[in-house]
Amino acid sequence: MKEVFEGSLWEAEIVKGLLQSDGIKCTVYDETMGAVTSPYLTVGGSVKVFVGEDDYVRAHDIVSSR
């Protein structure tokens, strides 16, 4: 698994939706910490989105283009 995004919970959920709509399986890591601090603030724990190594380049392109 490779990290493709790091940010707030709500940003990570948007990225997750973008990736999944393109058929890329992904995992949101540390979602609990992000939810505890607040999904609307950038203060507190960050949330990361991971994809499989085979999908990394495609996922990175999707995230970078948004």
N, C-alpha and C. Protein backbone atom coordinates (compact mmCIF):
# COMPACT_ATOMS: atom_id res chain seq x y z
N MET A 1 0.85 -1.18 0.00
CA MET A 1 0.00 0.00 0.00
C MET A 1 0.89 1.24 0.00
N LYS A 2 0.48 2.23 -0.80
CA LYS A 2 1.22 3.48 -0.88
C LYS A 2 0.27 4.65 -0.61
N GLU A 3 0.77 5.63 0.12
CA GLU A 3 -0.02 6.82 0.41
C GLU A 3 -0.16 7.68 -0.84
N VAL A 4 -1.41 8.07 -1.12
CA VAL A 4 -1.67 8.90 -2.28
C VAL A 4 -2.23 10.27 -1.88
N PHE A 5 -2.67 10.40 -0.62
CA PHE A 5 -3.24 11.66 -0.16
C PHE A 5 -3.15 11.75 1.35
N GLU A 6 -2.99 12.99 1.85
CA GLU A 6 -3.06 13.26 3.28
C GLU A 6 -3.76 14.59 3.47
N GLY A 7 -4.72 14.63 4.36
CA GLY A 7 -5.45 15.87 4.62
C GLY A 7 -6.50 15.66 5.68
N SER A 8 -7.53 16.47 5.64
CA SER A 8 -8.61 16.36 6.62
C SER A 8 -9.53 15.20 6.26
N LEU A 9 -10.39 14.83 7.19
CA LEU A 9 -11.31 13.72 6.98
C LEU A 9 -12.21 13.96 5.78
N TRP A 10 -12.78 15.14 5.69
CA TRP A 10 -13.71 15.39 4.58
C TRP A 10 -12.99 15.40 3.24
N GLU A 11 -11.76 15.90 3.19
CA GLU A 11 -10.98 15.85 1.95
C GLU A 11 -10.67 14.40 1.57
N ALA A 12 -10.29 13.61 2.56
CA ALA A 12 -9.96 12.21 2.31
C ALA A 12 -11.17 11.44 1.80
N GLU A 13 -12.35 11.76 2.31
CA GLU A 13 -13.57 11.10 1.84
C GLU A 13 -13.87 11.46 0.39
N ILE A 14 -13.60 12.70 0.01
CA ILE A 14 -13.79 13.11 -1.39
C ILE A 14 -12.82 12.36 -2.29
N VAL A 15 -11.55 12.30 -1.87
CA VAL A 15 -10.53 11.58 -2.64
C VAL A 15 -10.90 10.11 -2.76
N LYS A 16 -11.35 9.53 -1.67
CA LYS A 16 -11.77 8.12 -1.67
C LYS A 16 -12.88 7.91 -2.70
N GLY A 17 -13.87 8.79 -2.73
CA GLY A 17 -14.96 8.68 -3.68
C GLY A 17 -14.49 8.81 -5.12
N LEU A 18 -13.57 9.74 -5.38
CA LEU A 18 -13.01 9.90 -6.72
C LEU A 18 -12.30 8.64 -7.17
N LEU A 19 -11.50 8.09 -6.30
CA LEU A 19 -10.73 6.90 -6.65
C LEU A 19 -11.65 5.69 -6.85
N GLN A 20 -12.58 5.52 -5.96
CA GLN A 20 -13.49 4.38 -6.07
C GLN A 20 -14.37 4.48 -7.32
N SER A 21 -14.75 5.70 -7.69
CA SER A 21 -15.57 5.85 -8.89
C SER A 21 -14.78 5.52 -10.15
N ASP A 22 -13.45 5.51 -10.04
CA ASP A 22 -12.59 5.13 -11.16
C ASP A 22 -12.13 3.68 -11.04
N GLY A 23 -12.72 2.95 -10.09
CA GLY A 23 -12.40 1.53 -9.94
C GLY A 23 -11.15 1.22 -9.15
N ILE A 24 -10.64 2.21 -8.43
CA ILE A 24 -9.43 2.01 -7.63
C ILE A 24 -9.82 1.72 -6.18
N LYS A 25 -9.37 0.60 -5.68
CA LYS A 25 -9.63 0.26 -4.28
C LYS A 25 -8.68 1.08 -3.41
N CYS A 26 -9.21 1.64 -2.32
CA CYS A 26 -8.38 2.45 -1.44
C CYS A 26 -8.82 2.28 0.01
N THR A 27 -7.94 2.69 0.90
CA THR A 27 -8.19 2.60 2.33
C THR A 27 -7.92 3.95 2.96
N VAL A 28 -8.83 4.38 3.84
CA VAL A 28 -8.64 5.61 4.60
C VAL A 28 -8.07 5.20 5.95
N TYR A 29 -6.91 5.75 6.30
CA TYR A 29 -6.22 5.40 7.53
C TYR A 29 -6.33 6.54 8.52
N ASP A 30 -6.55 6.23 9.75
CA ASP A 30 -6.63 7.17 10.86
C ASP A 30 -7.90 8.00 10.78
N GLU A 31 -8.96 7.39 10.25
CA GLU A 31 -10.24 8.06 10.14
C GLU A 31 -10.81 8.43 11.51
N THR A 32 -10.58 7.58 12.50
CA THR A 32 -11.09 7.83 13.84
C THR A 32 -10.49 9.10 14.42
N MET A 33 -9.18 9.27 14.30
CA MET A 33 -8.53 10.46 14.84
C MET A 33 -9.05 11.71 14.14
N GLY A 34 -9.22 11.66 12.84
CA GLY A 34 -9.75 12.80 12.10
C GLY A 34 -11.17 13.14 12.54
N ALA A 35 -11.97 12.12 12.78
CA ALA A 35 -13.35 12.35 13.20
C ALA A 35 -13.41 12.91 14.61
N VAL A 36 -12.47 12.52 15.46
CA VAL A 36 -12.47 13.01 16.84
C VAL A 36 -12.13 14.49 16.88
N THR A 37 -11.16 14.93 16.08
CA THR A 37 -10.75 16.33 16.12
C THR A 37 -11.79 17.23 15.45
N SER A 38 -12.32 16.84 14.32
CA SER A 38 -13.41 17.50 13.60
C SER A 38 -13.20 17.30 12.12
N PRO A 39 -14.22 16.90 11.42
CA PRO A 39 -14.07 16.68 9.98
C PRO A 39 -13.94 17.98 9.19
N TYR A 40 -14.22 19.12 9.81
CA TYR A 40 -14.21 20.39 9.09
C TYR A 40 -13.01 21.26 9.41
N LEU A 41 -12.18 20.83 10.32
CA LEU A 41 -10.99 21.60 10.68
C LEU A 41 -9.74 20.90 10.19
N THR A 42 -8.71 21.67 9.91
CA THR A 42 -7.44 21.06 9.53
C THR A 42 -6.54 20.90 10.74
N VAL A 43 -7.02 21.31 11.91
CA VAL A 43 -6.26 21.17 13.15
C VAL A 43 -6.46 19.76 13.66
N GLY A 44 -5.42 19.14 14.15
CA GLY A 44 -5.55 17.81 14.71
C GLY A 44 -4.93 16.77 13.82
N GLY A 45 -5.37 15.54 13.99
CA GLY A 45 -4.80 14.44 13.24
C GLY A 45 -5.15 14.48 11.77
N SER A 46 -4.20 14.12 10.95
CA SER A 46 -4.47 14.07 9.53
C SER A 46 -4.93 12.67 9.14
N VAL A 47 -5.61 12.60 8.03
CA VAL A 47 -6.14 11.36 7.52
C VAL A 47 -5.44 11.05 6.21
N LYS A 48 -5.10 9.80 5.99
CA LYS A 48 -4.35 9.41 4.80
C LYS A 48 -5.16 8.42 3.98
N VAL A 49 -4.98 8.51 2.66
CA VAL A 49 -5.62 7.58 1.75
C VAL A 49 -4.51 6.75 1.10
N PHE A 50 -4.67 5.44 1.17
CA PHE A 50 -3.69 4.51 0.61
C PHE A 50 -4.32 3.70 -0.52
N VAL A 51 -3.50 3.41 -1.52
CA VAL A 51 -3.92 2.54 -2.64
C VAL A 51 -2.86 1.46 -2.82
N GLY A 52 -3.21 0.43 -3.55
CA GLY A 52 -2.26 -0.62 -3.87
C GLY A 52 -1.18 -0.08 -4.80
N GLU A 53 -0.02 -0.68 -4.74
CA GLU A 53 1.11 -0.21 -5.56
C GLU A 53 0.79 -0.25 -7.05
N ASP A 54 0.00 -1.22 -7.49
CA ASP A 54 -0.35 -1.32 -8.90
C ASP A 54 -1.21 -0.14 -9.38
N ASP A 55 -1.98 0.45 -8.47
CA ASP A 55 -2.87 1.56 -8.81
C ASP A 55 -2.29 2.93 -8.48
N TYR A 56 -1.09 2.96 -7.91
CA TYR A 56 -0.55 4.22 -7.40
C TYR A 56 -0.43 5.31 -8.46
N VAL A 57 0.14 5.01 -9.60
CA VAL A 57 0.37 6.04 -10.62
C VAL A 57 -0.96 6.62 -11.10
N ARG A 58 -1.91 5.75 -11.38
CA ARG A 58 -3.23 6.22 -11.82
C ARG A 58 -3.92 7.03 -10.74
N ALA A 59 -3.85 6.55 -9.49
CA ALA A 59 -4.47 7.27 -8.38
C ALA A 59 -3.80 8.62 -8.16
N HIS A 60 -2.48 8.66 -8.23
CA HIS A 60 -1.76 9.91 -8.06
C HIS A 60 -2.16 10.91 -9.13
N ASP A 61 -2.32 10.47 -10.36
CA ASP A 61 -2.76 11.35 -11.44
C ASP A 61 -4.16 11.90 -11.18
N ILE A 62 -5.06 11.07 -10.69
CA ILE A 62 -6.42 11.51 -10.37
C ILE A 62 -6.40 12.55 -9.28
N VAL A 63 -5.67 12.28 -8.20
CA VAL A 63 -5.61 13.21 -7.08
C VAL A 63 -4.94 14.52 -7.50
N SER A 64 -3.87 14.44 -8.26
CA SER A 64 -3.14 15.63 -8.68
C SER A 64 -3.95 16.51 -9.62
N SER A 65 -4.81 15.91 -10.42
CA SER A 65 -5.61 16.68 -11.38
C SER A 65 -6.79 17.40 -10.75
N ARG A 66 -7.09 17.09 -9.52
CA ARG A 66 -8.22 17.73 -8.83
C ARG A 66 -7.73 18.84 -8.03
